[in-house]
Amino acid sequence: MDAVIVLVLAIALLAIITIVRSIRIIPQQRMDVVERLGRYKRTLSPGLNLLVPFVDAVRSKVDMREQVVSFPPQPVITSDNLVVSIDTVLYFKVVDPVRATYEIANFLQAIEQLTVTTLRNVIGSLDLERALTSREEINRHLSTVLDETTGRWGIKVTRVEIKAIEPPPSIRDSMEKQMRAERERRATILNAEGHKQAQILTAEGEKQAAVLRADGDRQSRILQAEGQAKAIRTVFDAIHTANPSQKVLAYQYLQALPQIANGSANKVWIVPTELTKALEGLGGALGGLANMAGDVPTDRVDANAVEREAVEAAEAAAAEAQRVNAEVRAAEAQVSGDTQETAALPASPPVPPSSAIGGADYDGERQPDRA
């Protein structure tokens, strides 16, 4: 009885094992290579698959998705005999699981070694500077060579990327110094260009300001000249309209003599020897103005007041002439440097009031001259 139970259990266990070995469920994007008695039979596709138990066996399970492999840094010598370390990244996918299983033992290792040898051939024909700036060209060349070689293995290389190119430390230091010098040169050029532009703009601004100032000064002078011309024209018209007499003009001349002598610019004043005679003539003209035709004022003029003003004007002119003569003598003595006393200029004799007004007792009528 016990033997029957053991036999039944053994048969049941064998049936379970047989069923398990004959049924295979394959996930998506994976394909299994099946061998029957050591020979390739078929490739299992994703889903439920049945196998002959104890006869069919799965040789390999191939992932059909695109895969990424990062290879360790590889030392490569450039054409200018510099050793650089290059990291690469490889993208590939299996397109034929049977050929990937039977054409090569380890396709991943084969791809790595092929990438290294191809990279050395490509970098060996380039110098360091070109290798650093030609990554796209290197990637394209690697992809072409790897795709041609791995095609017979049932593998498609989709992309090859160079992750990093590390030159030696000494070369890196030299490159950093070169880049620093280049940046400093560019900065110096930019500063010089900015300074140049600033000077140009400043000069343009000063030029425009000078032009505007000159134009404003010109306009101001024109306006001032026009104003002075208008004022002179107005005074001239007023004088001609008023028709002043010779007496008024002579009297105004006598009053202006002290002001002419007191000018700050009149350091040397030439005094004629005929000053006394001139003043006498002015006095006589002033005394005889009353007898001129058509020059008698409507209101009677105070003769004493007129005489006093004339006398004061004559005395002031004579005093100013003496002061100017004294200044002229002092200037001549200082210039000559002579130790002896310089000869004094003859001073004009003072003009008596009676002579300044021509010895006239002005009461509105001409009086005979007194001896």
Protein backbone atom coordinates (compact mmCIF):
# COMPACT_ATOMS: atom_id res chain seq x y z
CA MET A 1 0.00 0.00 0.00
CA ASP A 2 2.80 2.40 0.86
CA ALA A 3 4.61 1.61 -2.35
CA VAL A 4 1.55 2.48 -4.38
CA ILE A 5 1.25 5.86 -2.65
CA VAL A 6 4.93 6.64 -3.29
CA LEU A 7 4.56 5.68 -6.94
CA VAL A 8 1.51 7.88 -7.35
CA LEU A 9 3.31 10.83 -5.78
CA ALA A 10 6.33 10.32 -8.03
CA ILE A 11 4.17 10.24 -11.11
CA ALA A 12 2.36 13.43 -10.04
CA LEU A 13 5.63 15.22 -9.36
CA LEU A 14 6.96 14.18 -12.72
CA ALA A 15 3.83 15.44 -14.43
CA ILE A 16 4.13 18.82 -12.70
CA ILE A 17 7.78 19.14 -13.67
CA THR A 18 6.97 18.21 -17.25
CA ILE A 19 4.19 20.77 -17.48
CA VAL A 20 6.41 23.49 -15.99
CA ARG A 21 9.22 22.78 -18.41
CA SER A 22 6.92 22.68 -21.41
CA ILE A 23 5.28 26.06 -20.81
CA ARG A 24 7.25 29.36 -21.25
CA ILE A 25 5.90 32.90 -20.90
CA ILE A 26 8.15 35.45 -22.68
CA PRO A 27 7.85 39.17 -21.67
CA GLN A 28 7.66 42.01 -24.19
CA GLN A 29 10.92 43.13 -25.89
CA ARG A 30 12.65 39.82 -25.12
CA MET A 31 13.33 36.85 -27.31
CA ASP A 32 14.61 33.42 -26.27
CA VAL A 33 16.73 31.16 -28.46
CA VAL A 34 15.61 27.48 -28.16
CA GLU A 35 17.81 24.50 -28.96
CA ARG A 36 16.61 20.94 -29.42
CA LEU A 37 19.16 18.41 -28.47
CA GLY A 38 21.91 21.03 -28.76
CA ARG A 39 20.87 22.42 -32.13
CA TYR A 40 19.06 25.66 -32.83
CA LYS A 41 15.35 25.01 -33.17
CA ARG A 42 13.46 28.29 -33.01
CA THR A 43 13.18 31.68 -31.32
CA LEU A 44 10.44 32.23 -28.80
CA SER A 45 8.47 35.47 -29.26
CA PRO A 46 6.81 37.39 -26.41
CA GLY A 47 3.74 35.63 -24.96
CA LEU A 48 2.87 31.97 -24.12
CA ASN A 49 5.08 29.33 -25.73
CA LEU A 50 5.16 25.51 -25.44
CA LEU A 51 8.30 23.42 -25.42
CA VAL A 52 8.97 19.73 -25.62
CA PRO A 53 10.04 18.80 -22.13
CA PHE A 54 13.48 17.32 -21.65
CA VAL A 55 14.18 17.84 -25.36
CA ASP A 56 13.98 21.59 -26.00
CA ALA A 57 16.13 23.97 -23.93
CA VAL A 58 16.53 27.75 -23.91
CA ARG A 59 20.04 28.72 -24.95
CA SER A 60 19.94 32.47 -24.34
CA LYS A 61 17.58 35.24 -23.41
CA VAL A 62 18.15 38.28 -25.58
CA ASP A 63 16.93 41.78 -24.60
CA MET A 64 15.71 43.58 -27.72
CA ARG A 65 15.66 47.07 -26.16
CA GLU A 66 18.30 49.74 -26.90
CA GLN A 67 21.08 49.55 -24.38
CA VAL A 68 23.63 52.06 -23.09
CA VAL A 69 27.18 51.08 -22.15
CA SER A 70 29.77 53.43 -20.66
CA PHE A 71 33.33 52.29 -21.21
CA PRO A 72 36.13 53.19 -18.77
CA PRO A 73 38.65 55.92 -19.78
CA GLN A 74 41.12 54.81 -22.41
CA PRO A 75 44.58 56.38 -22.94
CA VAL A 76 45.01 57.57 -26.52
CA ILE A 77 48.04 59.21 -28.18
CA THR A 78 47.43 62.15 -30.50
CA SER A 79 49.43 63.04 -33.59
CA ASP A 80 51.50 65.57 -31.60
CA ASN A 81 52.54 62.79 -29.12
CA LEU A 82 50.30 63.79 -26.24
CA VAL A 83 48.51 61.16 -24.15
CA VAL A 84 44.87 61.97 -23.51
CA SER A 85 42.23 60.01 -21.63
CA ILE A 86 38.92 59.56 -23.44
CA ASP A 87 35.60 58.34 -22.02
CA THR A 88 33.03 56.99 -24.46
CA VAL A 89 29.34 56.11 -24.27
CA LEU A 90 27.84 53.53 -26.66
CA TYR A 91 24.18 53.12 -27.65
CA PHE A 92 23.22 49.85 -29.41
CA LYS A 93 20.39 47.36 -29.81
CA VAL A 94 20.11 43.69 -30.89
CA VAL A 95 18.20 43.27 -34.12
CA ASP A 96 18.88 39.52 -34.67
CA PRO A 97 19.00 37.42 -31.49
CA VAL A 98 20.14 34.26 -33.31
CA ARG A 99 23.19 35.91 -34.89
CA ALA A 100 23.97 37.75 -31.68
CA THR A 101 24.00 34.33 -29.95
CA TYR A 102 25.87 32.22 -32.46
CA GLU A 103 28.07 34.69 -34.44
CA ILE A 104 30.08 35.99 -31.47
CA ALA A 105 30.66 34.70 -27.99
CA ASN A 106 30.42 38.03 -26.12
CA PHE A 107 29.23 40.86 -28.32
CA LEU A 108 29.44 43.49 -25.54
CA GLN A 109 33.14 42.87 -24.98
CA ALA A 110 33.69 42.79 -28.74
CA ILE A 111 31.98 46.18 -29.14
CA GLU A 112 34.13 47.68 -26.37
CA GLN A 113 37.39 46.50 -27.88
CA LEU A 114 36.33 47.62 -31.35
CA THR A 115 35.42 51.06 -29.99
CA VAL A 116 38.82 51.43 -28.30
CA THR A 117 40.82 50.45 -31.39
CA THR A 118 38.76 52.64 -33.69
CA LEU A 119 39.04 55.57 -31.29
CA ARG A 120 42.82 55.21 -31.18
CA ASN A 121 43.02 55.19 -34.95
CA VAL A 122 40.87 58.31 -35.25
CA ILE A 123 42.54 60.29 -32.46
CA GLY A 124 46.00 59.25 -33.63
CA SER A 125 45.49 61.19 -36.86
CA LEU A 126 44.48 64.40 -35.06
CA ASP A 127 46.40 66.82 -32.91
CA LEU A 128 45.21 67.85 -29.45
CA GLU A 129 43.50 71.07 -30.43
CA ARG A 130 41.63 69.48 -33.31
CA ALA A 131 40.69 66.48 -31.17
CA LEU A 132 39.18 68.80 -28.58
CA THR A 133 37.16 70.70 -31.18
CA SER A 134 36.14 67.82 -33.50
CA ARG A 135 33.97 65.68 -31.26
CA GLU A 136 31.12 65.54 -33.75
CA GLU A 137 33.43 64.32 -36.48
CA ILE A 138 34.92 61.66 -34.18
CA ASN A 139 31.47 60.44 -33.11
CA ARG A 140 30.30 60.16 -36.70
CA HIS A 141 33.41 58.20 -37.73
CA LEU A 142 33.08 55.81 -34.78
CA SER A 143 29.41 55.18 -35.52
CA THR A 144 30.16 54.37 -39.15
CA VAL A 145 32.97 51.90 -38.37
CA LEU A 146 31.12 50.17 -35.51
CA ASP A 147 27.90 49.87 -37.48
CA GLU A 148 29.67 48.21 -40.39
CA THR A 149 31.45 45.71 -38.13
CA THR A 150 28.62 44.84 -35.73
CA GLY A 151 26.05 44.45 -38.53
CA ARG A 152 27.07 40.84 -39.13
CA TRP A 153 26.62 40.13 -35.43
CA GLY A 154 22.98 41.15 -35.51
CA ILE A 155 23.69 44.32 -33.53
CA LYS A 156 22.89 47.91 -34.55
CA VAL A 157 25.08 50.70 -33.09
CA THR A 158 22.80 53.73 -32.97
CA ARG A 159 25.09 56.34 -31.42
CA VAL A 160 28.59 56.82 -30.03
CA GLU A 161 29.38 59.80 -27.81
CA ILE A 162 32.68 60.99 -26.38
CA LYS A 163 31.93 61.90 -22.80
CA ALA A 164 35.24 63.51 -21.86
CA ILE A 165 38.73 64.17 -23.23
CA GLU A 166 41.26 64.74 -20.46
CA PRO A 167 44.69 66.05 -21.53
CA PRO A 168 47.71 65.77 -19.18
CA PRO A 169 47.88 68.13 -16.16
CA SER A 170 50.77 70.14 -17.64
CA ILE A 171 48.84 70.64 -20.87
CA ARG A 172 45.77 71.68 -18.92
CA ASP A 173 47.80 74.31 -17.05
CA SER A 174 49.21 75.63 -20.33
CA MET A 175 45.75 75.75 -21.86
CA GLU A 176 44.37 77.61 -18.85
CA LYS A 177 47.18 80.15 -19.06
CA GLN A 178 46.58 80.56 -22.77
CA MET A 179 42.86 81.04 -22.27
CA ARG A 180 43.50 83.48 -19.42
CA ALA A 181 45.88 85.49 -21.61
CA GLU A 182 43.34 85.45 -24.44
CA ARG A 183 40.58 86.68 -22.14
CA GLU A 184 42.83 89.42 -20.77
CA ARG A 185 43.70 90.46 -24.32
CA ARG A 186 40.04 90.63 -25.27
CA ALA A 187 39.25 92.57 -22.11
CA THR A 188 42.07 95.04 -22.88
CA ILE A 189 40.81 95.45 -26.43
CA LEU A 190 37.26 96.01 -25.21
CA ASN A 191 38.45 98.56 -22.65
CA ALA A 192 40.47 100.37 -25.30
CA GLU A 193 37.50 100.38 -27.67
CA GLY A 194 35.26 101.71 -24.89
CA HIS A 195 37.79 104.43 -24.01
CA LYS A 196 38.09 105.33 -27.68
CA GLN A 197 34.34 105.59 -28.10
CA ALA A 198 34.08 107.63 -24.90
CA GLN A 199 36.74 110.08 -26.14
CA ILE A 200 35.03 110.33 -29.52
CA LEU A 201 31.67 111.02 -27.92
CA THR A 202 33.24 113.53 -25.52
CA ALA A 203 34.98 115.32 -28.39
CA GLU A 204 31.74 115.37 -30.38
CA GLY A 205 29.89 116.77 -27.37
CA GLU A 206 32.54 119.45 -26.78
CA LYS A 207 32.48 120.33 -30.48
CA GLN A 208 28.71 120.71 -30.50
CA ALA A 209 28.82 122.68 -27.25
CA ALA A 210 31.50 125.02 -28.67
CA VAL A 211 29.46 125.49 -31.83
CA LEU A 212 26.34 126.24 -29.81
CA ARG A 213 28.24 128.63 -27.52
CA ALA A 214 29.76 130.42 -30.53
CA ASP A 215 26.36 130.65 -32.17
CA GLY A 216 24.83 131.96 -28.95
CA ASP A 217 27.64 134.53 -28.56
CA ARG A 218 27.19 135.59 -32.17
CA GLN A 219 23.45 136.00 -31.70
CA SER A 220 24.07 137.91 -28.47
CA ARG A 221 26.54 140.26 -30.15
CA ILE A 222 24.16 140.79 -33.05
CA LEU A 223 21.33 141.61 -30.67
CA GLN A 224 23.56 143.93 -28.63
CA ALA A 225 24.77 145.69 -31.77
CA GLU A 226 21.20 146.04 -33.00
CA GLY A 227 20.18 147.42 -29.61
CA GLN A 228 23.07 149.89 -29.56
CA ALA A 229 22.34 150.93 -33.13
CA LYS A 230 18.70 151.45 -32.23
CA ALA A 231 19.67 153.43 -29.13
CA ILE A 232 22.10 155.62 -31.11
CA ARG A 233 19.47 156.12 -33.79
CA THR A 234 16.91 157.08 -31.17
CA VAL A 235 19.32 159.55 -29.49
CA PHE A 236 20.33 160.96 -32.86
CA ASP A 237 16.68 161.43 -33.87
CA ALA A 238 15.90 162.98 -30.51
CA ILE A 239 18.84 165.43 -30.82
CA HIS A 240 17.78 166.45 -34.31
CA THR A 241 14.18 166.75 -33.24
CA ALA A 242 15.13 168.92 -30.20
CA ASN A 243 17.55 171.05 -32.30
CA PRO A 244 19.95 171.92 -29.38
CA SER A 245 21.91 175.17 -29.47
CA GLN A 246 25.69 175.57 -29.53
CA LYS A 247 25.60 176.93 -25.99
CA VAL A 248 24.25 173.69 -24.60
CA LEU A 249 26.86 171.63 -26.45
CA ALA A 250 29.74 173.80 -25.20
CA TYR A 251 28.45 173.61 -21.65
CA GLN A 252 28.21 169.81 -21.82
CA TYR A 253 31.80 169.64 -23.09
CA LEU A 254 33.02 171.61 -20.07
CA GLN A 255 31.21 169.24 -17.74
CA ALA A 256 32.70 166.15 -19.47
CA LEU A 257 36.34 167.25 -19.15
CA PRO A 258 36.83 166.04 -15.51
CA GLN A 259 35.29 162.68 -16.32
CA ILE A 260 37.64 162.22 -19.30
CA ALA A 261 40.64 162.98 -17.12
CA ASN A 262 39.52 160.62 -14.30
CA GLY A 263 39.38 157.53 -16.56
CA SER A 264 41.39 154.54 -15.23
CA ALA A 265 42.90 153.92 -18.68
CA ASN A 266 44.14 157.51 -19.06
CA LYS A 267 47.59 157.03 -17.52
CA VAL A 268 49.24 159.56 -19.87
CA TRP A 269 47.25 162.55 -21.05
CA ILE A 270 48.79 164.93 -23.56
CA VAL A 271 47.89 168.46 -22.55
CA PRO A 272 48.33 171.06 -25.31
CA THR A 273 50.08 174.35 -24.52
CA GLU A 274 47.12 176.20 -25.95
CA LEU A 275 44.80 174.86 -23.24
CA THR A 276 44.39 178.31 -21.70
CA LYS A 277 43.56 179.85 -25.02
CA ALA A 278 41.14 177.06 -25.78
CA LEU A 279 39.38 177.52 -22.47
CA GLU A 280 39.28 181.28 -23.07
CA GLY A 281 37.75 180.62 -26.47
CA LEU A 282 35.19 178.30 -24.94
CA GLY A 283 34.39 180.93 -22.34
CA GLY A 284 34.01 183.56 -25.00
CA ALA A 285 31.78 181.24 -27.01
CA LEU A 286 29.74 180.50 -23.93
CA GLY A 287 29.42 184.22 -23.16
CA GLY A 288 28.40 185.07 -26.71
CA LEU A 289 25.85 182.29 -27.15
CA ALA A 290 23.13 184.57 -25.83
CA ASN A 291 23.53 186.90 -28.79
CA MET A 292 22.93 184.11 -31.36
CA ALA A 293 19.82 184.46 -33.45
CA GLY A 294 16.92 182.29 -32.43
CA ASP A 295 18.70 181.01 -29.29
CA VAL A 296 17.08 183.12 -26.60
CA PRO A 297 15.19 180.94 -24.15
CA THR A 298 11.64 181.69 -23.41
CA ASP A 299 12.33 181.80 -19.65
CA ARG A 300 15.09 183.98 -18.35
CA VAL A 301 18.17 181.99 -17.27
CA ASP A 302 19.91 182.66 -13.96
CA ALA A 303 23.19 184.19 -15.11
CA ASN A 304 24.97 183.81 -11.79
CA ALA A 305 24.23 180.07 -11.63
CA VAL A 306 25.48 179.52 -15.16
CA GLU A 307 28.64 181.47 -14.43
CA ARG A 308 29.34 179.50 -11.29
CA GLU A 309 28.93 176.16 -13.06
CA ALA A 310 31.22 177.26 -15.88
CA VAL A 311 33.86 178.45 -13.41
CA GLU A 312 33.71 175.17 -11.49
CA ALA A 313 34.06 173.15 -14.67
CA ALA A 314 37.05 175.18 -15.82
CA GLU A 315 38.79 174.87 -12.45
CA ALA A 316 38.22 171.09 -12.41
CA ALA A 317 39.65 170.72 -15.91
CA ALA A 318 42.73 172.79 -15.02
CA ALA A 319 43.35 170.79 -11.83
CA GLU A 320 43.04 167.52 -13.67
CA ALA A 321 45.48 168.74 -16.31
CA GLN A 322 48.05 169.60 -13.61
CA ARG A 323 47.62 166.15 -12.01
CA VAL A 324 48.14 164.43 -15.33
CA ASN A 325 51.28 166.49 -15.98
CA ALA A 326 52.67 165.45 -12.60
CA GLU A 327 52.03 161.77 -13.38
CA VAL A 328 53.75 162.15 -16.76
CA ARG A 329 56.85 163.70 -15.10
CA ALA A 330 57.01 160.88 -12.54
CA ALA A 331 56.73 158.21 -15.28
CA GLU A 332 59.51 159.83 -17.31
CA ALA A 333 61.78 160.02 -14.26
CA GLN A 334 61.19 156.32 -13.48
CA VAL A 335 61.91 155.22 -17.05
CA SER A 336 65.07 157.26 -17.56
CA GLY A 337 66.59 156.15 -14.21
CA ASP A 338 68.66 159.29 -14.14
CA THR A 339 70.02 160.17 -10.67
CA GLN A 340 69.60 163.85 -11.28
CA GLU A 341 66.30 165.52 -11.14
CA THR A 342 64.44 165.40 -14.38
CA ALA A 343 63.25 168.54 -15.96
CA ALA A 344 59.65 169.18 -15.09
CA LEU A 345 57.16 169.66 -17.79
CA PRO A 346 55.86 173.15 -18.02
CA ALA A 347 52.54 173.20 -16.33
CA SER A 348 49.71 175.06 -17.83
CA PRO A 349 48.83 178.06 -15.85
CA PRO A 350 45.61 177.83 -13.94
CA VAL A 351 42.65 179.13 -15.74
CA PRO A 352 40.90 181.85 -13.85
CA PRO A 353 37.16 181.70 -13.89
CA SER A 354 36.96 185.03 -15.57
CA SER A 355 39.13 183.75 -18.41
CA ALA A 356 37.12 180.54 -18.73
CA ILE A 357 33.96 182.42 -19.36
CA GLY A 358 35.62 185.11 -21.44
CA GLY A 359 35.43 187.82 -18.73
CA ALA A 360 31.74 188.19 -19.27
CA ASP A 361 29.17 189.33 -16.78
CA TYR A 362 26.52 187.04 -18.11
CA ASP A 363 23.09 188.45 -17.56
CA GLY A 364 21.54 187.25 -20.71
CA GLU A 365 23.31 189.94 -22.78
CA ARG A 366 26.94 190.11 -24.08
CA GLN A 367 29.11 192.52 -22.00
CA PRO A 368 32.35 194.04 -23.19
CA ASP A 369 35.52 192.27 -22.13
CA ARG A 370 37.34 193.66 -19.16
CA ALA A 371 41.04 194.41 -19.30
